[in-house]
Amino acid sequence: MLYTSTDGISNDRIVPVSGALYLPKGEPPASGWPLLAWTHGTVGIADSCAPSWDGRQAQDEAYLNHFLTHGFAIVASDYQGLGTEGTHPYLASRSAAYSNLDIIRAAQRAPFSVSNDVILIGQSQGAGAAVASAGYASTYAPELSVIGVVATGVPFFVPAIFEAMERLRNPSKPDPLLGYSFFAMTLTEQLDAEFSMSAYVSEKAMPIAARVDDLCYREMKELVTEAALTYSESFDESPRQALFKSFEAMSYPKFALDVPIFVGTGGLDRDTPPKMQRMLINKMCEAGTAVVSKFYPDLDHRGVVPGATADVLNFVQDRFLGIEIETTCDQSH
């Protein structure tokens, strides 16, 4: 699919965005296939990384096919700047939300037999995109009937969390997750004309970091791992304060969501640590959101996706059936 959306950075112009729509086999019910909006995790910022162009990882294919076999249609945005004009604003919540909400509009307005109700479902970067989309829906796309959110491995970027992660990091130990930092710095470059990644990244790491424009995340991670890059040798100066400038763009518009949310957290998650996710869950619970929180102690960031599938399926089926969701907000964790 190719459709129009609003530039989430400037908020004042129309941009083309790409994506895909998947339909189950067979005849749809009278009300149309119940619709899920899948919001993908980190793939990179290069156009060639757009899932509708590059294909989906085997795990994501299995995950989406599981819902297709259970009779759900799936619409999936590539996000602004992935496969289309401009640089992808990595982790910028408003950009992702606009892209997601507009592809739902496009699918529902086209001659496809899909439901009016939709559930937002995402992992990692996509989990943040799903939460943000639910937050922006009432003002940006009030005609849409969003009835639930699913978020596994959901990020929450605030200075306190970032500083805690830095304290836990061993700066002298090879860090395969450095690619996230390189991609995040490209957002800061879009927001701050005076910021340049080259002013912070070391001579040793720059040949890898400079390839953010043409390498997808899996390839970036392979290069970082092969080079055994550590945090201390990757930066001549810590980009922490500069990255803080991007946190506003990465933030959620509100914590009081109008619909229930399922949050799945892996106890072994290093990418979006359990404490990060717990802080977000607490914020949403305090704001009155109906949160269903599930903790999977033996699963990591990727493993929580297949590991939570049965619970997610129950949640989305209940939402489409109109069954009331029992929140876990009043439970101790």
C-alpha atoms as a PDB file:
ATOM      1  CA  MET A   1       0.000   0.000   0.000  1.00  0.00           C
ATOM      2  CA  LEU A   2       1.035   3.592  -0.610  1.00  0.00           C
ATOM      3  CA  TYR A   3      -0.979   6.243   1.188  1.00  0.00           C
ATOM      4  CA  THR A   4      -0.727   9.796   2.502  1.00  0.00           C
ATOM      5  CA  SER A   5      -0.087  10.892   6.066  1.00  0.00           C
ATOM      6  CA  THR A   6       1.049  13.954   7.980  1.00  0.00           C
ATOM      7  CA  ASP A   7       4.728  14.630   8.640  1.00  0.00           C
ATOM      8  CA  GLY A   8       5.040  13.935  12.350  1.00  0.00           C
ATOM      9  CA  ILE A   9       8.142  16.099  12.722  1.00  0.00           C
ATOM     10  CA  SER A  10       6.986  19.335  11.062  1.00  0.00           C
ATOM     11  CA  ASN A  11       3.284  18.549  11.628  1.00  0.00           C
ATOM     12  CA  ASP A  12       2.419  20.777   8.683  1.00  0.00           C
ATOM     13  CA  ARG A  13       2.810  18.843   5.433  1.00  0.00           C
ATOM     14  CA  ILE A  14       1.553  15.712   3.702  1.00  0.00           C
ATOM     15  CA  VAL A  15       3.982  12.839   3.107  1.00  0.00           C
ATOM     16  CA  PRO A  16       3.704   9.480   1.324  1.00  0.00           C
ATOM     17  CA  VAL A  17       4.015   6.372   3.498  1.00  0.00           C
ATOM     18  CA  SER A  18       4.127   2.714   2.494  1.00  0.00           C
ATOM     19  CA  GLY A  19       2.786  -0.389   4.180  1.00  0.00           C
ATOM     20  CA  ALA A  20       0.890  -3.619   3.645  1.00  0.00           C
ATOM     21  CA  LEU A  21      -2.481  -5.236   4.244  1.00  0.00           C
ATOM     22  CA  TYR A  22      -2.839  -8.963   4.929  1.00  0.00           C
ATOM     23  CA  LEU A  23      -6.187 -10.723   4.646  1.00  0.00           C
ATOM     24  CA  PRO A  24      -7.118 -14.216   5.880  1.00  0.00           C
ATOM     25  CA  LYS A  25      -8.075 -16.906   3.409  1.00  0.00           C
ATOM     26  CA  GLY A  26     -11.747 -17.582   2.847  1.00  0.00           C
ATOM     27  CA  GLU A  27     -14.857 -15.450   3.034  1.00  0.00           C
ATOM     28  CA  PRO A  28     -14.990 -12.608   5.562  1.00  0.00           C
ATOM     29  CA  PRO A  29     -17.795 -12.299   8.105  1.00  0.00           C
ATOM     30  CA  ALA A  30     -20.597  -9.837   7.391  1.00  0.00           C
ATOM     31  CA  SER A  31     -18.916  -7.149   9.499  1.00  0.00           C
ATOM     32  CA  GLY A  32     -15.553  -7.695   7.800  1.00  0.00           C
ATOM     33  CA  TRP A  33     -12.407  -9.346   9.084  1.00  0.00           C
ATOM     34  CA  PRO A  34     -11.587  -8.051  12.582  1.00  0.00           C
ATOM     35  CA  LEU A  35      -8.689  -5.678  12.016  1.00  0.00           C
ATOM     36  CA  LEU A  36      -5.326  -5.536  13.765  1.00  0.00           C
ATOM     37  CA  ALA A  37      -2.791  -2.763  13.105  1.00  0.00           C
ATOM     38  CA  TRP A  38       0.682  -4.285  13.461  1.00  0.00           C
ATOM     39  CA  THR A  39       3.429  -1.810  14.381  1.00  0.00           C
ATOM     40  CA  HIS A  40       6.843  -3.311  13.742  1.00  0.00           C
ATOM     41  CA  GLY A  41       9.989  -3.158  15.856  1.00  0.00           C
ATOM     42  CA  THR A  42      13.340  -1.632  14.947  1.00  0.00           C
ATOM     43  CA  VAL A  43      14.487  -2.439  11.422  1.00  0.00           C
ATOM     44  CA  GLY A  44      16.715   0.582  10.740  1.00  0.00           C
ATOM     45  CA  ILE A  45      16.208   3.880   8.939  1.00  0.00           C
ATOM     46  CA  ALA A  46      17.330   2.996   5.390  1.00  0.00           C
ATOM     47  CA  ASP A  47      14.595   2.770   2.755  1.00  0.00           C
ATOM     48  CA  SER A  48      15.662  -0.788   1.942  1.00  0.00           C
ATOM     49  CA  CYS A  49      14.743  -1.801   5.516  1.00  0.00           C
ATOM     50  CA  ALA A  50      11.028  -1.075   5.064  1.00  0.00           C
ATOM     51  CA  PRO A  51       9.253  -4.362   5.864  1.00  0.00           C
ATOM     52  CA  SER A  52       6.950  -4.146   2.832  1.00  0.00           C
ATOM     53  CA  TRP A  53      10.093  -4.038   0.680  1.00  0.00           C
ATOM     54  CA  ASP A  54      12.661  -6.047   2.632  1.00  0.00           C
ATOM     55  CA  GLY A  55      10.277  -8.708   3.907  1.00  0.00           C
ATOM     56  CA  ARG A  56       9.567  -9.588   7.517  1.00  0.00           C
ATOM     57  CA  GLN A  57      11.690 -11.546   9.929  1.00  0.00           C
ATOM     58  CA  ALA A  58      10.730 -15.198  10.308  1.00  0.00           C
ATOM     59  CA  GLN A  59       9.474 -14.614  13.851  1.00  0.00           C
ATOM     60  CA  ASP A  60       7.223 -11.760  12.753  1.00  0.00           C
ATOM     61  CA  GLU A  61       5.912 -13.817   9.838  1.00  0.00           C
ATOM     62  CA  ALA A  62       4.992 -16.651  12.191  1.00  0.00           C
ATOM     63  CA  TYR A  63       3.397 -14.213  14.635  1.00  0.00           C
ATOM     64  CA  LEU A  64       1.266 -12.443  12.021  1.00  0.00           C
ATOM     65  CA  ASN A  65       0.307 -15.717  10.335  1.00  0.00           C
ATOM     66  CA  HIS A  66      -0.938 -16.970  13.690  1.00  0.00           C
ATOM     67  CA  PHE A  67      -3.486 -14.142  13.778  1.00  0.00           C
ATOM     68  CA  LEU A  68      -4.355 -14.554  10.099  1.00  0.00           C
ATOM     69  CA  THR A  69      -5.214 -18.214  10.691  1.00  0.00           C
ATOM     70  CA  HIS A  70      -7.511 -17.092  13.500  1.00  0.00           C
ATOM     71  CA  GLY A  71      -9.421 -14.816  11.141  1.00  0.00           C
ATOM     72  CA  PHE A  72      -7.829 -11.425  11.743  1.00  0.00           C
ATOM     73  CA  ALA A  73      -6.870  -9.005   8.982  1.00  0.00           C
ATOM     74  CA  ILE A  74      -3.616  -7.122   9.567  1.00  0.00           C
ATOM     75  CA  VAL A  75      -2.629  -3.690   8.333  1.00  0.00           C
ATOM     76  CA  ALA A  76       1.018  -2.739   8.805  1.00  0.00           C
ATOM     77  CA  SER A  77       2.685   0.613   8.199  1.00  0.00           C
ATOM     78  CA  ASP A  78       6.369   0.890   7.303  1.00  0.00           C
ATOM     79  CA  TYR A  79       6.341   4.296   9.111  1.00  0.00           C
ATOM     80  CA  GLN A  80       7.225   7.690   7.722  1.00  0.00           C
ATOM     81  CA  GLY A  81      10.511   7.786   5.822  1.00  0.00           C
ATOM     82  CA  LEU A  82      11.015   4.013   5.572  1.00  0.00           C
ATOM     83  CA  GLY A  83      10.811   3.190   1.874  1.00  0.00           C
ATOM     84  CA  THR A  84       9.512   6.656   1.049  1.00  0.00           C
ATOM     85  CA  GLU A  85      10.631  10.280   0.935  1.00  0.00           C
ATOM     86  CA  GLY A  86      12.807  11.649   3.733  1.00  0.00           C
ATOM     87  CA  THR A  87      14.695  10.150   6.672  1.00  0.00           C
ATOM     88  CA  HIS A  88      12.789   7.903   9.023  1.00  0.00           C
ATOM     89  CA  PRO A  89      12.395   9.722  12.383  1.00  0.00           C
ATOM     90  CA  TYR A  90      13.370   6.728  14.494  1.00  0.00           C
ATOM     91  CA  LEU A  91      11.356   6.442  17.732  1.00  0.00           C
ATOM     92  CA  ALA A  92       9.507   9.732  17.148  1.00  0.00           C
ATOM     93  CA  SER A  93       6.113   8.880  18.608  1.00  0.00           C
ATOM     94  CA  ARG A  94       3.950  11.383  16.724  1.00  0.00           C
ATOM     95  CA  SER A  95       5.367  10.362  13.339  1.00  0.00           C
ATOM     96  CA  ALA A  96       4.711   6.698  14.025  1.00  0.00           C
ATOM     97  CA  ALA A  97       1.221   7.412  15.337  1.00  0.00           C
ATOM     98  CA  TYR A  98       0.223   9.436  12.280  1.00  0.00           C
ATOM     99  CA  SER A  99       1.565   6.732   9.954  1.00  0.00           C
ATOM    100  CA  ASN A 100      -0.327   4.008  11.835  1.00  0.00           C
ATOM    101  CA  LEU A 101      -3.615   5.855  12.105  1.00  0.00           C
ATOM    102  CA  ASP A 102      -3.583   6.860   8.445  1.00  0.00           C
ATOM    103  CA  ILE A 103      -2.944   3.343   7.163  1.00  0.00           C
ATOM    104  CA  ILE A 104      -5.960   2.193   9.195  1.00  0.00           C
ATOM    105  CA  ARG A 105      -7.976   4.942   7.531  1.00  0.00           C
ATOM    106  CA  ALA A 106      -6.682   3.899   4.122  1.00  0.00           C
ATOM    107  CA  ALA A 107      -7.531   0.230   4.630  1.00  0.00           C
ATOM    108  CA  GLN A 108     -11.006   0.945   5.975  1.00  0.00           C
ATOM    109  CA  ARG A 109     -11.877   3.438   3.232  1.00  0.00           C
ATOM    110  CA  ALA A 110     -10.692   1.139   0.431  1.00  0.00           C
ATOM    111  CA  PRO A 111     -12.900  -1.706  -0.860  1.00  0.00           C
ATOM    112  CA  PHE A 112     -11.536  -4.286   1.569  1.00  0.00           C
ATOM    113  CA  SER A 113     -13.788  -6.213   3.903  1.00  0.00           C
ATOM    114  CA  VAL A 114     -12.316  -5.217   7.266  1.00  0.00           C
ATOM    115  CA  SER A 115     -13.996  -4.207  10.511  1.00  0.00           C
ATOM    116  CA  ASN A 116     -14.571  -0.682  11.728  1.00  0.00           C
ATOM    117  CA  ASP A 117     -13.048  -1.641  15.078  1.00  0.00           C
ATOM    118  CA  VAL A 118      -9.266  -2.006  15.249  1.00  0.00           C
ATOM    119  CA  ILE A 119      -6.689  -3.097  17.803  1.00  0.00           C
ATOM    120  CA  LEU A 120      -3.153  -1.668  17.776  1.00  0.00           C
ATOM    121  CA  ILE A 121      -0.506  -4.333  18.343  1.00  0.00           C
ATOM    122  CA  GLY A 122       3.260  -3.817  18.391  1.00  0.00           C
ATOM    123  CA  GLN A 123       6.662  -4.954  19.610  1.00  0.00           C
ATOM    124  CA  SER A 124       9.629  -2.845  20.821  1.00  0.00           C
ATOM    125  CA  GLN A 125       9.716   0.340  18.714  1.00  0.00           C
ATOM    126  CA  GLY A 126       6.323  -0.795  17.463  1.00  0.00           C
ATOM    127  CA  ALA A 127       5.006  -1.207  21.003  1.00  0.00           C
ATOM    128  CA  GLY A 128       5.840   2.438  21.613  1.00  0.00           C
ATOM    129  CA  ALA A 129       4.202   3.284  18.293  1.00  0.00           C
ATOM    130  CA  ALA A 130       1.033   1.433  19.327  1.00  0.00           C
ATOM    131  CA  VAL A 131       0.827   3.274  22.663  1.00  0.00           C
ATOM    132  CA  ALA A 132       1.445   6.601  20.925  1.00  0.00           C
ATOM    133  CA  SER A 133      -1.161   5.833  18.262  1.00  0.00           C
ATOM    134  CA  ALA A 134      -3.775   5.161  20.935  1.00  0.00           C
ATOM    135  CA  GLY A 135      -2.840   8.438  22.592  1.00  0.00           C
ATOM    136  CA  TYR A 136      -3.130  10.518  19.424  1.00  0.00           C
ATOM    137  CA  ALA A 137      -6.209   8.747  18.011  1.00  0.00           C
ATOM    138  CA  SER A 138      -8.836  10.882  19.742  1.00  0.00           C
ATOM    139  CA  THR A 139      -7.438  14.137  18.339  1.00  0.00           C
ATOM    140  CA  TYR A 140      -5.817  13.084  15.039  1.00  0.00           C
ATOM    141  CA  ALA A 141      -8.286  10.421  13.892  1.00  0.00           C
ATOM    142  CA  PRO A 142     -11.370  10.668  16.114  1.00  0.00           C
ATOM    143  CA  GLU A 143     -13.515   8.762  13.620  1.00  0.00           C
ATOM    144  CA  LEU A 144     -11.477   5.573  14.139  1.00  0.00           C
ATOM    145  CA  SER A 145     -12.788   2.976  16.578  1.00  0.00           C
ATOM    146  CA  VAL A 146      -9.660   1.831  18.415  1.00  0.00           C
ATOM    147  CA  ILE A 147     -10.761  -0.760  20.968  1.00  0.00           C
ATOM    148  CA  GLY A 148      -7.479  -1.975  22.445  1.00  0.00           C
ATOM    149  CA  VAL A 149      -3.689  -1.941  22.446  1.00  0.00           C
ATOM    150  CA  VAL A 150      -1.093  -4.704  22.711  1.00  0.00           C
ATOM    151  CA  ALA A 151       2.503  -3.775  23.576  1.00  0.00           C
ATOM    152  CA  THR A 152       5.355  -6.245  24.102  1.00  0.00           C
ATOM    153  CA  GLY A 153       8.842  -4.997  24.966  1.00  0.00           C
ATOM    154  CA  VAL A 154       7.547  -1.440  25.184  1.00  0.00           C
ATOM    155  CA  PRO A 155      10.081   1.410  25.568  1.00  0.00           C
ATOM    156  CA  PHE A 156       9.748   4.432  27.838  1.00  0.00           C
ATOM    157  CA  PHE A 157      12.300   7.187  27.368  1.00  0.00           C
ATOM    158  CA  VAL A 158      12.802   9.591  30.249  1.00  0.00           C
ATOM    159  CA  PRO A 159      16.129  10.857  31.640  1.00  0.00           C
ATOM    160  CA  ALA A 160      15.830   8.834  34.860  1.00  0.00           C
ATOM    161  CA  ILE A 161      15.491   5.572  32.937  1.00  0.00           C
ATOM    162  CA  PHE A 162      18.320   6.463  30.565  1.00  0.00           C
ATOM    163  CA  GLU A 163      20.635   7.334  33.441  1.00  0.00           C
ATOM    164  CA  ALA A 164      19.751   4.111  35.267  1.00  0.00           C
ATOM    165  CA  MET A 165      20.572   2.085  32.149  1.00  0.00           C
ATOM    166  CA  GLU A 166      23.882   3.899  31.841  1.00  0.00           C
ATOM    167  CA  ARG A 167      24.742   3.067  35.469  1.00  0.00           C
ATOM    168  CA  LEU A 168      24.062  -0.601  34.803  1.00  0.00           C
ATOM    169  CA  ARG A 169      26.077  -0.637  31.586  1.00  0.00           C
ATOM    170  CA  ASN A 170      29.661  -1.915  31.685  1.00  0.00           C
ATOM    171  CA  PRO A 171      31.306   0.620  29.341  1.00  0.00           C
ATOM    172  CA  SER A 172      34.286  -1.660  28.781  1.00  0.00           C
ATOM    173  CA  LYS A 173      32.239  -4.692  27.748  1.00  0.00           C
ATOM    174  CA  PRO A 174      31.303  -5.332  24.087  1.00  0.00           C
ATOM    175  CA  ASP A 175      27.782  -4.033  23.602  1.00  0.00           C
ATOM    176  CA  PRO A 176      25.774  -5.512  20.699  1.00  0.00           C
ATOM    177  CA  LEU A 177      22.984  -2.988  21.332  1.00  0.00           C
ATOM    178  CA  LEU A 178      25.032   0.063  20.286  1.00  0.00           C
ATOM    179  CA  GLY A 179      23.145   0.170  16.996  1.00  0.00           C
ATOM    180  CA  TYR A 180      20.150   1.542  18.883  1.00  0.00           C
ATOM    181  CA  SER A 181      22.237   4.530  19.989  1.00  0.00           C
ATOM    182  CA  PHE A 182      23.449   5.218  16.454  1.00  0.00           C
ATOM    183  CA  PHE A 183      19.896   5.147  15.094  1.00  0.00           C
ATOM    184  CA  ALA A 184      18.587   7.336  17.936  1.00  0.00           C
ATOM    185  CA  MET A 185      21.245   9.945  17.173  1.00  0.00           C
ATOM    186  CA  THR A 186      19.833  10.343  13.661  1.00  0.00           C
ATOM    187  CA  LEU A 187      16.578  11.575  15.197  1.00  0.00           C
ATOM    188  CA  THR A 188      18.501  14.171  17.206  1.00  0.00           C
ATOM    189  CA  GLU A 189      20.157  15.278  13.958  1.00  0.00           C
ATOM    190  CA  GLN A 190      16.708  15.879  12.455  1.00  0.00           C
ATOM    191  CA  LEU A 191      15.526  17.857  15.477  1.00  0.00           C
ATOM    192  CA  ASP A 192      18.680  19.876  16.172  1.00  0.00           C
ATOM    193  CA  ALA A 193      20.530  21.404  13.232  1.00  0.00           C
ATOM    194  CA  GLU A 194      23.608  21.937  15.406  1.00  0.00           C
ATOM    195  CA  PHE A 195      23.889  18.286  16.434  1.00  0.00           C
ATOM    196  CA  SER A 196      26.140  15.947  14.464  1.00  0.00           C
ATOM    197  CA  MET A 197      26.808  12.305  15.252  1.00  0.00           C
ATOM    198  CA  SER A 198      30.407  12.710  14.090  1.00  0.00           C
ATOM    199  CA  ALA A 199      31.100  15.081  17.005  1.00  0.00           C
ATOM    200  CA  TYR A 200      30.473  12.248  19.468  1.00  0.00           C
ATOM    201  CA  VAL A 201      31.304   8.942  17.771  1.00  0.00           C
ATOM    202  CA  SER A 202      34.910   7.791  17.916  1.00  0.00           C
ATOM    203  CA  GLU A 203      37.190   7.190  14.938  1.00  0.00           C
ATOM    204  CA  LYS A 204      37.016   3.438  15.617  1.00  0.00           C
ATOM    205  CA  ALA A 205      33.214   3.275  15.658  1.00  0.00           C
ATOM    206  CA  MET A 206      32.448   5.865  12.965  1.00  0.00           C
ATOM    207  CA  PRO A 207      32.867   3.508   9.957  1.00  0.00           C
ATOM    208  CA  ILE A 208      30.031   1.430  11.419  1.00  0.00           C
ATOM    209  CA  ALA A 209      27.896   4.260  12.808  1.00  0.00           C
ATOM    210  CA  ALA A 210      28.090   6.124   9.501  1.00  0.00           C
ATOM    211  CA  ARG A 211      26.323   3.243   7.799  1.00  0.00           C
ATOM    212  CA  VAL A 212      22.986   3.928   9.505  1.00  0.00           C
ATOM    213  CA  ASP A 213      21.769   5.259   6.164  1.00  0.00           C
ATOM    214  CA  ASP A 214      22.266   1.993   4.286  1.00  0.00           C
ATOM    215  CA  LEU A 215      22.352  -0.840   6.850  1.00  0.00           C
ATOM    216  CA  CYS A 216      19.339  -2.419   8.505  1.00  0.00           C
ATOM    217  CA  TYR A 217      19.439  -3.044  12.251  1.00  0.00           C
ATOM    218  CA  ARG A 218      20.269  -6.750  11.987  1.00  0.00           C
ATOM    219  CA  GLU A 219      23.289  -5.925   9.777  1.00  0.00           C
ATOM    220  CA  MET A 220      24.337  -3.077  12.059  1.00  0.00           C
ATOM    221  CA  LYS A 221      24.172  -5.403  15.065  1.00  0.00           C
ATOM    222  CA  GLU A 222      26.320  -7.977  13.244  1.00  0.00           C
ATOM    223  CA  LEU A 223      29.011  -5.378  12.494  1.00  0.00           C
ATOM    224  CA  VAL A 224      28.954  -4.050  16.067  1.00  0.00           C
ATOM    225  CA  THR A 225      29.241  -7.591  17.408  1.00  0.00           C
ATOM    226  CA  GLU A 226      32.029  -8.585  15.012  1.00  0.00           C
ATOM    227  CA  ALA A 227      34.007  -5.467  15.955  1.00  0.00           C
ATOM    228  CA  ALA A 228      33.354  -6.155  19.666  1.00  0.00           C
ATOM    229  CA  LEU A 229      32.616  -2.469  20.132  1.00  0.00           C
ATOM    230  CA  THR A 230      32.304  -1.200  23.688  1.00  0.00           C
ATOM    231  CA  TYR A 231      30.459   1.931  24.745  1.00  0.00           C
ATOM    232  CA  SER A 232      33.599   3.659  26.035  1.00  0.00           C
ATOM    233  CA  GLU A 233      35.553   3.144  22.824  1.00  0.00           C
ATOM    234  CA  SER A 234      32.592   4.051  20.590  1.00  0.00           C
ATOM    235  CA  PHE A 235      32.191   7.622  21.838  1.00  0.00           C
ATOM    236  CA  ASP A 236      34.755  10.381  22.307  1.00  0.00           C
ATOM    237  CA  GLU A 237      32.069  12.224  24.253  1.00  0.00           C
ATOM    238  CA  SER A 238      28.915  10.763  25.765  1.00  0.00           C
ATOM    239  CA  PRO A 239      25.849  11.648  23.662  1.00  0.00           C
ATOM    240  CA  ARG A 240      23.594  11.368  26.718  1.00  0.00           C
ATOM    241  CA  GLN A 241      22.705  15.052  27.102  1.00  0.00           C
ATOM    242  CA  ALA A 242      22.260  15.456  23.362  1.00  0.00           C
ATOM    243  CA  LEU A 243      19.923  12.458  23.225  1.00  0.00           C
ATOM    244  CA  PHE A 244      17.841  13.967  26.016  1.00  0.00           C
ATOM    245  CA  LYS A 245      16.798  16.586  23.448  1.00  0.00           C
ATOM    246  CA  SER A 246      15.045  13.825  21.527  1.00  0.00           C
ATOM    247  CA  PHE A 247      13.086  12.463  24.475  1.00  0.00           C
ATOM    248  CA  GLU A 248      10.239  14.912  23.950  1.00  0.00           C
ATOM    249  CA  ALA A 249       9.797  13.580  20.407  1.00  0.00           C
ATOM    250  CA  MET A 250       9.939  10.026  21.796  1.00  0.00           C
ATOM    251  CA  SER A 251       7.393  10.712  24.531  1.00  0.00           C
ATOM    252  CA  TYR A 252       3.785   9.560  24.676  1.00  0.00           C
ATOM    253  CA  PRO A 253       1.040  12.171  24.296  1.00  0.00           C
ATOM    254  CA  LYS A 254      -0.758  10.859  27.376  1.00  0.00           C
ATOM    255  CA  PHE A 255      -0.791   7.984  29.849  1.00  0.00           C
ATOM    256  CA  ALA A 256      -4.575   7.917  30.284  1.00  0.00           C
ATOM    257  CA  LEU A 257      -5.555   5.778  27.310  1.00  0.00           C
ATOM    258  CA  ASP A 258      -9.209   5.547  26.346  1.00  0.00           C
ATOM    259  CA  VAL A 259      -8.953   1.788  25.773  1.00  0.00           C
ATOM    260  CA  PRO A 260      -7.486  -1.228  27.613  1.00  0.00           C
ATOM    261  CA  ILE A 261      -3.878  -2.195  26.966  1.00  0.00           C
ATOM    262  CA  PHE A 262      -2.070  -5.532  27.268  1.00  0.00           C
ATOM    263  CA  VAL A 263       1.616  -5.160  28.195  1.00  0.00           C
ATOM    264  CA  GLY A 264       3.892  -8.198  27.908  1.00  0.00           C
ATOM    265  CA  THR A 265       7.321  -7.939  29.581  1.00  0.00           C
ATOM    266  CA  GLY A 266      10.192 -10.403  29.371  1.00  0.00           C
ATOM    267  CA  GLY A 267      12.201 -10.767  32.564  1.00  0.00           C
ATOM    268  CA  LEU A 268      15.435 -11.159  30.556  1.00  0.00           C
ATOM    269  CA  ASP A 269      14.794  -8.151  28.306  1.00  0.00           C
ATOM    270  CA  ARG A 270      17.960  -6.057  27.912  1.00  0.00           C
ATOM    271  CA  ASP A 271      16.674  -3.854  25.083  1.00  0.00           C
ATOM    272  CA  THR A 272      13.743  -2.410  27.024  1.00  0.00           C
ATOM    273  CA  PRO A 273      14.481  -3.576  30.603  1.00  0.00           C
ATOM    274  CA  PRO A 274      11.644  -4.639  32.899  1.00  0.00           C
ATOM    275  CA  LYS A 275      12.173  -1.584  35.142  1.00  0.00           C
ATOM    276  CA  MET A 276      11.654   0.690  32.133  1.00  0.00           C
ATOM    277  CA  GLN A 277       8.418  -1.073  31.250  1.00  0.00           C
ATOM    278  CA  ARG A 278       7.269  -1.154  34.868  1.00  0.00           C
ATOM    279  CA  MET A 279       7.642   2.630  35.138  1.00  0.00           C
ATOM    280  CA  LEU A 280       5.413   3.088  32.085  1.00  0.00           C
ATOM    281  CA  ILE A 281       2.848   0.586  33.400  1.00  0.00           C
ATOM    282  CA  ASN A 282       2.725   2.448  36.706  1.00  0.00           C
ATOM    283  CA  LYS A 283       2.242   5.777  34.923  1.00  0.00           C
ATOM    284  CA  MET A 284      -0.653   4.380  32.889  1.00  0.00           C
ATOM    285  CA  CYS A 285      -2.270   2.731  35.908  1.00  0.00           C
ATOM    286  CA  GLU A 286      -1.998   5.948  37.931  1.00  0.00           C
ATOM    287  CA  ALA A 287      -3.640   7.807  35.048  1.00  0.00           C
ATOM    288  CA  GLY A 288      -6.589   5.415  35.039  1.00  0.00           C
ATOM    289  CA  THR A 289      -5.771   3.260  32.010  1.00  0.00           C
ATOM    290  CA  ALA A 290      -7.054  -0.324  32.165  1.00  0.00           C
ATOM    291  CA  VAL A 291      -3.748  -2.215  31.986  1.00  0.00           C
ATOM    292  CA  VAL A 292      -3.361  -5.983  31.733  1.00  0.00           C
ATOM    293  CA  SER A 293       0.275  -6.607  32.614  1.00  0.00           C
ATOM    294  CA  LYS A 294       1.879 -10.019  32.078  1.00  0.00           C
ATOM    295  CA  PHE A 295       5.436 -10.821  33.185  1.00  0.00           C
ATOM    296  CA  TYR A 296       7.394 -13.667  31.565  1.00  0.00           C
ATOM    297  CA  PRO A 297      10.495 -14.189  33.742  1.00  0.00           C
ATOM    298  CA  ASP A 298      12.406 -16.471  31.378  1.00  0.00           C
ATOM    299  CA  LEU A 299      11.882 -14.548  28.120  1.00  0.00           C
ATOM    300  CA  ASP A 300      14.033 -11.850  26.520  1.00  0.00           C
ATOM    301  CA  HIS A 301      13.124  -8.934  24.270  1.00  0.00           C
ATOM    302  CA  ARG A 302      12.410 -11.027  21.194  1.00  0.00           C
ATOM    303  CA  GLY A 303      11.261 -14.134  23.013  1.00  0.00           C
ATOM    304  CA  VAL A 304       8.357 -12.329  24.664  1.00  0.00           C
ATOM    305  CA  VAL A 305       6.608 -12.028  21.284  1.00  0.00           C
ATOM    306  CA  PRO A 306       5.985 -15.741  20.664  1.00  0.00           C
ATOM    307  CA  GLY A 307       5.902 -16.371  24.406  1.00  0.00           C
ATOM    308  CA  ALA A 308       2.963 -14.032  24.919  1.00  0.00           C
ATOM    309  CA  THR A 309       1.025 -15.053  21.808  1.00  0.00           C
ATOM    310  CA  ALA A 310      -1.636 -17.105  23.607  1.00  0.00           C
ATOM    311  CA  ASP A 311      -2.317 -14.314  26.114  1.00  0.00           C
ATOM    312  CA  VAL A 312      -2.399 -11.709  23.346  1.00  0.00           C
ATOM    313  CA  LEU A 313      -4.837 -13.784  21.296  1.00  0.00           C
ATOM    314  CA  ASN A 314      -7.156 -14.098  24.286  1.00  0.00           C
ATOM    315  CA  PHE A 315      -6.967 -10.338  24.878  1.00  0.00           C
ATOM    316  CA  VAL A 316      -7.778  -9.341  21.283  1.00  0.00           C
ATOM    317  CA  GLN A 317     -10.552 -11.930  20.959  1.00  0.00           C
ATOM    318  CA  ASP A 318     -12.138 -10.664  24.177  1.00  0.00           C
ATOM    319  CA  ARG A 319     -11.946  -7.063  22.989  1.00  0.00           C
ATOM    320  CA  PHE A 320     -13.704  -7.862  19.693  1.00  0.00           C
ATOM    321  CA  LEU A 321     -16.351  -9.813  21.600  1.00  0.00           C
ATOM    322  CA  GLY A 322     -16.875  -6.875  23.954  1.00  0.00           C
ATOM    323  CA  ILE A 323     -15.819  -8.862  27.016  1.00  0.00           C
ATOM    324  CA  GLU A 324     -14.777  -6.605  29.893  1.00  0.00           C
ATOM    325  CA  ILE A 325     -11.046  -6.635  30.597  1.00  0.00           C
ATOM    326  CA  GLU A 326      -9.905  -7.239  34.165  1.00  0.00           C
ATOM    327  CA  THR A 327      -7.049  -4.852  34.895  1.00  0.00           C
ATOM    328  CA  THR A 328      -3.988  -5.895  36.873  1.00  0.00           C
ATOM    329  CA  CYS A 329      -3.309  -2.349  38.072  1.00  0.00           C
ATOM    330  CA  ASP A 330      -4.425  -3.133  41.607  1.00  0.00           C
ATOM    331  CA  GLN A 331      -2.099  -6.110  41.890  1.00  0.00           C
ATOM    332  CA  SER A 332       1.334  -5.884  43.476  1.00  0.00           C
ATOM    333  CA  HIS A 333       4.335  -6.734  41.295  1.00  0.00           C
END
